[in-house]
């Protein structure tokens, strides 16, 4: 069963595939395209993952994996 912790790896993978930075919507689209079965099969996670993705991004920023929110436009995530 997948949890919001798994989103951290999925965000990094998506950003790598998308050239290192992308609009949040595109990152979420990528996650859904590659992990829809994991999400659907993970109980309540299927209802919360689109909110949990923001928690995961915050964790990645704290670890220095993603650029600080002020270093990108409001709707973009980028690898550090």
C-alpha atoms as a PDB file:
ATOM      1  CA  UNK A   1       0.000   0.000   0.000  1.00  0.00           C
ATOM      2  CA  UNK A   2       1.348   3.387  -1.000  1.00  0.00           C
ATOM      3  CA  UNK A   3       1.318   6.470   1.231  1.00  0.00           C
ATOM      4  CA  UNK A   4       2.153  10.138   0.934  1.00  0.00           C
ATOM      5  CA  UNK A   5       5.791   9.297   1.654  1.00  0.00           C
ATOM      6  CA  UNK A   6       5.939   7.575  -1.746  1.00  0.00           C
ATOM      7  CA  UNK A   7       4.968  10.862  -3.374  1.00  0.00           C
ATOM      8  CA  UNK A   8       8.412  12.258  -2.571  1.00  0.00           C
ATOM      9  CA  UNK A   9      10.083   9.788  -4.937  1.00  0.00           C
ATOM     10  CA  UNK A  10       7.318  10.186  -7.499  1.00  0.00           C
ATOM     11  CA  UNK A  11       7.727  13.975  -7.550  1.00  0.00           C
ATOM     12  CA  UNK A  12      11.478  13.672  -8.073  1.00  0.00           C
ATOM     13  CA  UNK A  13      10.979  11.096 -10.838  1.00  0.00           C
ATOM     14  CA  UNK A  14       8.375  13.286 -12.528  1.00  0.00           C
ATOM     15  CA  UNK A  15      10.576  16.366 -12.405  1.00  0.00           C
ATOM     16  CA  UNK A  16      13.524  14.437 -13.828  1.00  0.00           C
ATOM     17  CA  UNK A  17      11.331  13.191 -16.681  1.00  0.00           C
ATOM     18  CA  UNK A  18       9.996  16.706 -17.245  1.00  0.00           C
ATOM     19  CA  UNK A  19      13.417  18.345 -17.500  1.00  0.00           C
ATOM     20  CA  UNK A  20      14.035  19.390 -13.890  1.00  0.00           C
ATOM     21  CA  UNK A  21      11.127  21.784 -13.442  1.00  0.00           C
ATOM     22  CA  UNK A  22       7.455  21.832 -14.325  1.00  0.00           C
ATOM     23  CA  UNK A  23       4.093  23.247 -13.422  1.00  0.00           C
ATOM     24  CA  UNK A  24       2.578  21.451 -10.450  1.00  0.00           C
ATOM     25  CA  UNK A  25      -0.338  20.331 -12.612  1.00  0.00           C
ATOM     26  CA  UNK A  26       2.061  18.596 -15.008  1.00  0.00           C
ATOM     27  CA  UNK A  27       3.863  16.900 -12.119  1.00  0.00           C
ATOM     28  CA  UNK A  28       0.516  15.591 -10.839  1.00  0.00           C
ATOM     29  CA  UNK A  29      -0.463  14.451 -14.337  1.00  0.00           C
ATOM     30  CA  UNK A  30       2.825  12.560 -14.608  1.00  0.00           C
ATOM     31  CA  UNK A  31       2.297  10.920 -11.214  1.00  0.00           C
ATOM     32  CA  UNK A  32      -1.214   9.840 -12.190  1.00  0.00           C
ATOM     33  CA  UNK A  33      -0.067   8.499 -15.582  1.00  0.00           C
ATOM     34  CA  UNK A  34       2.664   6.386 -13.965  1.00  0.00           C
ATOM     35  CA  UNK A  35       1.104   5.416 -10.620  1.00  0.00           C
ATOM     36  CA  UNK A  36      -2.683   5.431 -11.051  1.00  0.00           C
ATOM     37  CA  UNK A  37      -2.997   1.754 -10.115  1.00  0.00           C
ATOM     38  CA  UNK A  38      -0.839   2.244  -7.005  1.00  0.00           C
ATOM     39  CA  UNK A  39      -2.979   5.205  -5.979  1.00  0.00           C
ATOM     40  CA  UNK A  40      -6.324   3.510  -6.622  1.00  0.00           C
ATOM     41  CA  UNK A  41      -5.273   0.351  -4.774  1.00  0.00           C
ATOM     42  CA  UNK A  42      -4.099   2.240  -1.671  1.00  0.00           C
ATOM     43  CA  UNK A  43      -7.357   2.793   0.205  1.00  0.00           C
ATOM     44  CA  UNK A  44      -8.042   6.333   1.358  1.00  0.00           C
ATOM     45  CA  UNK A  45      -4.837   7.542  -0.279  1.00  0.00           C
ATOM     46  CA  UNK A  46      -6.729   7.664  -3.569  1.00  0.00           C
ATOM     47  CA  UNK A  47      -8.869  10.441  -2.080  1.00  0.00           C
ATOM     48  CA  UNK A  48      -6.029  12.448  -0.526  1.00  0.00           C
ATOM     49  CA  UNK A  49      -3.026  12.100  -2.814  1.00  0.00           C
ATOM     50  CA  UNK A  50      -3.603  15.391  -4.639  1.00  0.00           C
ATOM     51  CA  UNK A  51      -3.409  17.224  -1.318  1.00  0.00           C
ATOM     52  CA  UNK A  52      -0.639  15.008   0.050  1.00  0.00           C
ATOM     53  CA  UNK A  53       1.540  15.937  -2.919  1.00  0.00           C
ATOM     54  CA  UNK A  54       1.961  19.403  -1.345  1.00  0.00           C
ATOM     55  CA  UNK A  55       3.081  17.807   1.933  1.00  0.00           C
ATOM     56  CA  UNK A  56       5.641  15.772  -0.039  1.00  0.00           C
ATOM     57  CA  UNK A  57       6.915  18.881  -1.827  1.00  0.00           C
ATOM     58  CA  UNK A  58       7.390  20.604   1.540  1.00  0.00           C
ATOM     59  CA  UNK A  59       9.419  17.621   2.766  1.00  0.00           C
ATOM     60  CA  UNK A  60      11.561  17.734  -0.372  1.00  0.00           C
ATOM     61  CA  UNK A  61      12.195  21.464   0.077  1.00  0.00           C
ATOM     62  CA  UNK A  62      13.258  20.894   3.684  1.00  0.00           C
ATOM     63  CA  UNK A  63      15.778  18.287   2.471  1.00  0.00           C
ATOM     64  CA  UNK A  64      17.080  20.616  -0.245  1.00  0.00           C
ATOM     65  CA  UNK A  65      15.848  18.393  -3.077  1.00  0.00           C
ATOM     66  CA  UNK A  66      13.425  21.015  -4.431  1.00  0.00           C
ATOM     67  CA  UNK A  67      14.164  24.689  -4.840  1.00  0.00           C
ATOM     68  CA  UNK A  68      12.645  27.023  -2.302  1.00  0.00           C
ATOM     69  CA  UNK A  69       9.150  28.186  -3.211  1.00  0.00           C
ATOM     70  CA  UNK A  70      10.380  31.778  -3.578  1.00  0.00           C
ATOM     71  CA  UNK A  71      12.970  30.680  -6.156  1.00  0.00           C
ATOM     72  CA  UNK A  72      10.307  29.606  -8.669  1.00  0.00           C
ATOM     73  CA  UNK A  73       6.986  30.926  -9.838  1.00  0.00           C
ATOM     74  CA  UNK A  74       3.954  30.077  -7.747  1.00  0.00           C
ATOM     75  CA  UNK A  75       2.798  27.123  -9.825  1.00  0.00           C
ATOM     76  CA  UNK A  76       6.195  25.543 -10.577  1.00  0.00           C
ATOM     77  CA  UNK A  77       8.329  22.983  -8.750  1.00  0.00           C
ATOM     78  CA  UNK A  78      12.007  22.601  -9.633  1.00  0.00           C
ATOM     79  CA  UNK A  79      14.804  20.333  -8.560  1.00  0.00           C
ATOM     80  CA  UNK A  80      17.558  22.079  -6.628  1.00  0.00           C
END
